[in-house]
Protein backbone atom coordinates (compact mmCIF):
# COMPACT_ATOMS: atom_id res chain seq x y z
CA MET A 1 20.07 125.90 178.08
CA ALA A 2 17.96 129.01 178.58
CA LYS A 3 15.82 129.19 181.68
CA PRO A 4 12.07 128.70 181.03
CA TRP A 5 11.30 132.10 182.52
CA ASP A 6 13.70 133.84 180.14
CA VAL A 7 10.82 134.99 177.97
CA ARG A 8 13.00 136.90 175.54
CA ALA A 9 14.83 133.67 174.69
CA ILE A 10 11.51 131.88 174.15
CA LEU A 11 10.13 134.59 171.89
CA ALA A 12 13.40 134.96 169.99
CA GLY A 13 13.44 131.21 169.46
CA ALA A 14 10.00 131.34 167.92
CA VAL A 15 11.25 133.99 165.50
CA PHE A 16 14.31 131.89 164.61
CA THR A 17 12.08 129.12 163.26
CA THR A 18 10.51 131.41 160.71
CA GLY A 19 11.94 130.55 157.32
CA PRO A 20 11.31 131.42 153.70
CA ALA A 21 9.01 129.40 151.48
CA PHE A 22 10.30 128.07 148.17
CA THR A 23 8.63 126.98 144.97
CA THR A 24 10.10 124.98 142.09
CA GLY A 25 10.83 127.16 139.09
CA PRO A 26 11.00 126.22 135.40
CA ALA A 27 14.61 125.04 135.75
CA SER A 28 13.80 123.02 138.90
CA ALA A 29 15.55 125.64 141.02
CA LEU A 30 14.14 126.67 144.36
CA GLU A 31 12.55 130.10 144.38
CA MET A 32 11.18 131.85 147.44
CA ALA A 33 7.43 132.30 147.69
CA PRO A 34 5.83 135.00 149.86
CA TYR A 35 3.57 133.50 152.54
CA GLU A 36 1.72 134.10 155.79
CA ALA A 37 1.64 131.55 158.63
CA VAL A 38 0.16 131.20 162.12
CA TYR A 39 1.32 128.67 164.73
CA ASP A 40 -0.41 127.61 167.94
CA LEU A 41 1.98 127.58 170.95
CA ARG A 42 1.52 125.12 173.84
CA LEU A 43 3.52 123.82 176.78
CA THR A 44 3.92 120.09 176.15
CA HIS A 45 6.31 119.22 178.98
CA ALA A 46 6.72 120.78 182.41
CA SER A 47 8.79 120.02 185.48
CA SER A 48 6.97 118.82 188.59
CA SER A 49 8.69 121.48 190.68
CA LEU A 50 10.14 124.29 188.55
CA GLY A 51 9.22 126.57 185.70
CA PRO A 52 5.81 127.28 184.16
CA ARG A 53 2.96 124.82 184.59
CA ALA A 54 1.04 126.10 181.56
CA ALA A 55 1.67 128.16 178.44
CA THR A 56 -0.51 129.21 175.52
CA GLY A 57 0.06 131.58 172.66
CA ILE A 58 0.41 132.18 168.95
CA SER A 59 3.26 132.92 166.56
CA GLU A 60 2.41 134.85 163.39
CA SER A 61 4.77 135.57 160.51
CA LYS A 62 4.48 137.15 157.08
CA LEU A 63 7.14 137.08 154.37
CA THR A 64 6.80 139.62 151.56
CA ASP A 65 8.77 140.04 148.34
CA THR A 66 9.94 143.67 147.94
CA CYS A 67 11.58 143.02 144.54
CA ASP A 68 15.07 143.79 145.81
CA GLY A 69 14.74 141.90 149.08
CA TRP A 70 12.58 140.00 151.56
CA ASP A 71 10.54 141.67 154.28
CA LEU A 72 9.64 139.55 157.33
CA LYS A 73 7.23 140.56 160.07
CA SER A 74 6.68 138.34 163.11
CA HIS A 75 4.36 138.68 166.10
CA VAL A 76 4.47 136.31 169.08
CA VAL A 77 2.09 136.28 172.05
CA LEU A 78 2.84 133.94 174.97
CA ASN A 79 1.01 133.66 178.29
CA LEU A 80 2.70 131.71 181.10
CA ALA A 81 1.25 130.41 184.38
CA PHE A 82 3.54 129.38 187.26
CA ARG A 83 2.98 127.21 190.33
CA ASP A 84 2.93 130.18 192.68
CA ASP A 85 -0.13 131.48 190.78
CA GLU A 86 1.99 134.10 189.04
CA VAL A 87 0.83 134.85 185.50
CA SER A 88 3.07 136.41 182.87
CA SER A 89 1.80 138.00 179.66
CA ASN A 90 4.42 138.42 176.94
CA GLU A 91 4.38 139.86 173.44
CA ARG A 92 7.12 140.37 170.88
CA PHE A 93 7.18 142.20 167.55
CA PHE A 94 10.06 141.50 165.19
CA SER A 95 10.72 142.74 161.67
CA SER A 96 13.57 142.36 159.22
CA TRP A 97 14.54 143.05 155.64
CA GLU A 98 17.24 141.09 153.78
CA SER A 99 18.55 142.01 150.35
CA LYS A 100 18.38 139.22 147.80
CA ASP A 101 22.16 139.21 147.40
CA GLY A 102 22.50 138.46 151.13
CA LYS A 103 24.73 141.51 151.74
CA THR A 104 22.42 143.97 153.53
CA TYR A 105 20.11 143.48 156.50
CA ARG A 106 17.83 145.57 158.73
CA PHE A 107 16.03 144.36 161.83
CA ALA A 108 14.04 145.56 164.85
CA ALA A 109 12.68 143.90 168.00
CA HIS A 110 10.20 145.10 170.61
CA THR A 111 9.26 142.94 173.61
CA ILE A 112 6.56 143.64 176.20
CA LYS A 113 6.16 141.75 179.49
CA ASN A 114 3.12 142.37 181.67
CA GLY A 115 2.56 145.70 179.95
CA ASN A 116 6.15 146.91 180.35
CA VAL A 117 8.71 147.24 177.58
CA VAL A 118 11.65 144.97 178.47
CA GLU A 119 13.48 145.00 175.14
CA ASP A 120 13.58 147.52 172.32
CA TYR A 121 16.30 147.76 169.69
CA LYS A 122 16.96 147.96 165.97
CA GLY A 123 19.98 147.38 163.81
CA THR A 124 21.63 147.05 160.44
CA ALA A 125 24.24 144.74 158.96
CA THR A 126 26.37 144.91 155.84
CA PHE A 127 28.88 142.52 154.31
CA GLN A 128 32.00 143.16 152.27
CA ARG A 129 33.24 141.19 149.27
CA SER A 130 35.70 139.45 151.58
CA GLY A 131 32.78 137.81 153.41
CA THR A 132 33.23 139.70 156.67
CA GLY A 133 30.74 142.27 157.87
CA ARG A 134 29.59 144.67 160.55
CA ALA A 135 26.35 144.86 162.52
CA THR A 136 25.25 147.95 164.41
CA TYR A 137 22.64 147.81 167.18
CA GLU A 138 20.74 150.83 168.46
CA ALA A 139 18.61 151.03 171.61
CA PRO A 140 16.65 153.99 173.04
CA PRO A 141 18.45 156.30 175.48
CA VAL A 142 18.39 155.37 179.16
CA LYS A 143 17.13 158.84 180.09
CA GLU A 144 14.67 160.99 178.21
CA GLY A 145 16.49 163.45 175.98
CA GLY A 146 19.68 161.39 175.97
CA LYS A 147 21.44 159.87 173.00
CA PRO A 148 20.52 156.44 171.65
CA ARG A 149 22.79 153.63 172.82
CA THR A 150 24.70 152.02 169.97
CA PHE A 151 27.34 149.35 169.59
CA THR A 152 28.94 147.69 166.58
CA ILE A 153 30.19 144.14 166.26
CA THR A 154 32.33 142.50 163.61
CA LEU A 155 30.70 139.61 161.80
CA PRO A 156 33.13 136.75 161.13
CA HIS A 157 33.83 135.48 157.64
CA GLY A 158 31.09 133.11 156.54
CA THR A 159 28.29 134.65 158.65
CA LEU A 160 24.94 134.09 156.95
CA LEU A 161 21.71 136.06 157.04
CA PRO A 162 18.48 134.11 157.71
CA MET A 163 17.17 133.70 154.15
CA THR A 164 20.61 132.77 152.85
CA TYR A 165 21.02 130.34 155.75
CA THR A 166 17.71 128.59 155.05
CA LYS A 167 18.57 128.19 151.37
CA GLU A 168 21.89 126.58 152.30
CA LEU A 169 20.27 124.39 154.97
CA ILE A 170 17.76 122.96 152.49
CA ASP A 171 20.50 122.46 149.94
CA GLN A 172 22.50 120.48 152.52
CA ALA A 173 19.43 118.40 153.44
CA THR A 174 18.64 117.69 149.78
CA ARG A 175 22.17 116.37 149.27
CA GLY A 176 21.76 114.06 152.26
CA GLU A 177 24.26 115.85 154.50
CA PRO A 178 23.64 114.87 158.16
CA LEU A 179 25.05 118.04 159.77
CA PHE A 180 25.16 121.74 158.94
CA ARG A 181 26.93 124.26 161.17
CA SER A 182 27.05 127.97 160.50
CA ILE A 183 27.19 131.40 162.10
CA VAL A 184 23.88 133.19 161.56
CA LEU A 185 22.83 136.79 162.22
CA ASN A 186 19.07 136.93 162.63
CA GLY A 187 18.70 140.03 164.80
CA ALA A 188 16.14 138.28 167.03
CA ALA A 189 18.82 137.93 169.72
CA SER A 190 20.30 141.14 171.10
CA ARG A 191 23.69 139.50 171.70
CA GLY A 192 24.51 139.34 168.01
CA PRO A 193 25.05 136.33 165.75
CA ARG A 194 24.73 132.76 166.95
CA ILE A 195 26.32 129.49 165.99
CA MET A 196 23.60 127.15 164.72
CA SER A 197 24.51 123.46 164.63
CA THR A 198 21.83 121.44 162.86
CA ALA A 199 21.51 117.66 162.75
CA ILE A 200 19.47 116.65 159.69
CA GLY A 201 17.48 113.41 159.57
CA PRO A 202 16.60 111.38 156.46
CA ALA A 203 14.05 112.82 154.06
CA ILE A 204 10.45 111.87 154.79
CA LEU A 205 7.54 112.00 152.39
CA PRO A 206 5.14 114.93 152.68
CA PRO A 207 2.05 114.22 154.80
CA HIS A 208 -1.27 113.24 153.26
CA LEU A 209 -3.06 116.51 153.79
CA THR A 210 -6.57 117.39 152.71
CA GLU A 211 -7.41 120.77 151.26
CA ALA A 212 -8.47 123.22 153.96
CA ASP A 213 -9.48 126.86 153.91
CA ASP A 214 -6.72 127.80 156.35
CA VAL A 215 -3.80 125.80 154.90
CA ASP A 216 -2.38 126.00 151.38
CA ILE A 217 -1.16 122.41 151.12
CA SER A 218 0.89 123.16 148.00
CA LEU A 219 3.40 124.90 150.27
CA LEU A 220 3.82 121.61 152.18
CA SER A 221 3.97 119.28 149.18
CA ALA A 222 7.77 118.93 149.12
CA PRO A 223 9.63 116.28 151.14
CA ALA A 224 10.54 117.21 154.71
CA TRP A 225 13.33 116.57 157.20
CA ARG A 226 13.28 116.33 160.97
CA MET A 227 16.01 118.59 162.32
CA SER A 228 17.58 119.31 165.68
CA VAL A 229 19.11 122.77 165.99
CA ALA A 230 21.47 123.72 168.83
CA TYR A 231 22.03 127.46 169.35
CA PHE A 232 25.28 128.74 170.86
CA ASN A 233 26.14 132.36 171.57
CA LEU A 234 29.16 133.37 169.53
CA GLY A 235 32.31 133.63 171.63
CA GLU A 236 31.07 131.50 174.51
CA ARG A 237 32.78 128.23 175.36
CA ARG A 238 30.22 125.76 176.60
CA ASP A 239 29.22 122.14 175.99
CA MET A 240 25.48 122.69 176.36
CA PRO A 241 23.65 124.95 173.87
CA ASN A 242 21.92 128.13 175.01
CA THR A 243 18.72 126.66 173.65
CA GLU A 244 17.69 123.82 171.37
CA MET A 245 14.99 123.46 168.75
CA PHE A 246 13.45 120.40 167.11
CA MET A 247 11.53 121.00 163.91
CA GLN A 248 10.10 119.44 160.80
CA MET A 249 11.09 121.56 157.83
CA HIS A 250 9.72 121.05 154.34
CA GLY A 251 11.68 121.57 151.15
CA THR A 252 9.65 124.76 150.76
CA GLY A 253 11.47 126.12 153.80
CA ILE A 254 8.35 126.14 155.98
CA ASN A 255 8.26 124.46 159.37
CA GLU A 256 5.18 122.31 159.85
CA SER A 257 5.91 122.11 163.58
CA PHE A 258 8.69 122.83 166.06
CA GLU A 259 9.61 122.36 169.72
CA GLN A 260 11.88 124.52 171.86
CA THR A 261 13.43 122.81 174.87
CA PHE A 262 14.59 124.33 178.15
CA THR A 263 16.03 122.91 181.34
CA ASP A 264 12.62 122.00 182.73
CA SER A 265 10.01 122.57 180.03
CA THR A 266 9.21 122.18 176.34
CA LEU A 267 7.26 124.64 174.21
CA SER A 268 5.65 123.23 171.05
CA ALA A 269 4.20 124.93 167.99
CA HIS A 270 1.89 123.54 165.31
CA LEU A 271 0.88 125.14 162.05
CA GLN A 272 -2.70 126.41 162.11
CA ARG A 273 -2.90 128.67 159.08
CA LEU A 274 -0.77 128.97 155.94
CA ARG A 275 -1.41 130.91 152.76
CA ARG A 276 0.50 132.43 149.89
CA VAL A 277 0.97 136.17 149.63
CA ASP A 278 0.61 137.66 146.16
CA PRO A 279 4.01 138.53 144.67
CA PRO A 280 4.65 142.16 143.67
CA ASN A 281 4.71 143.52 140.14
CA CYS A 282 8.34 144.58 140.14
CA GLY A 283 8.44 145.57 136.49
CA ALA A 284 11.56 147.60 135.69
CA LYS A 285 12.96 146.95 139.20
CA ARG A 286 13.99 143.43 138.12
């Protein structure tokens, strides 16, 4: 698993849990609903000798309908305190756009640690009719005035983009399937696509929530499933996942809570604010 001080893995993991929201349409089909959510991040388990002894932060995400696709913006702030009195301040901005046919994708990530940029890249991905695709990453030049650094990777047949993946995951859960394994390109990890192996628990009834100013409970009214997601870097042969996530996902595609585990710590997130975002007037674009 990832080391607890690998902050980029922690922040990328928080982005990976961001999923689309769905509503039930006239024909009982699931339709995505734009939304905005804020999670509170806390360290809920720590080793007695290694890793951080405290962590606090927030994870914010906003999903917007652009008529021809879905625009996602995510912002994560995480402050870590270690036993040697070292304090680490971390912030990550991530954005993506996925076409509604699941064939085109754009993404960008920017990570800051203690005031210094430690990660900065953007990329695009396209898929052919055959199901294979290509993703191109671009990072700033090493020296001022130099050329941007780029590399291209081939995406295997069956690779899914995040919105398409979440739709398929909920479909599998609704049918009672206990396991779903797929290759997913999110863009939140600079190494390319990952294998996501998800164990899906039995459906549980939605919680008895009371109306609150900060939470639109209609987005949490669908049944939910507890899921365990193991992330593996594509091309690596290993028994243990690079990182693991436990989450409670509703049929709307929204996670009510999630936990990310590391070798000696656990980071937990709980939903603090959730609201719908007004859909656009697409008119002739439809």
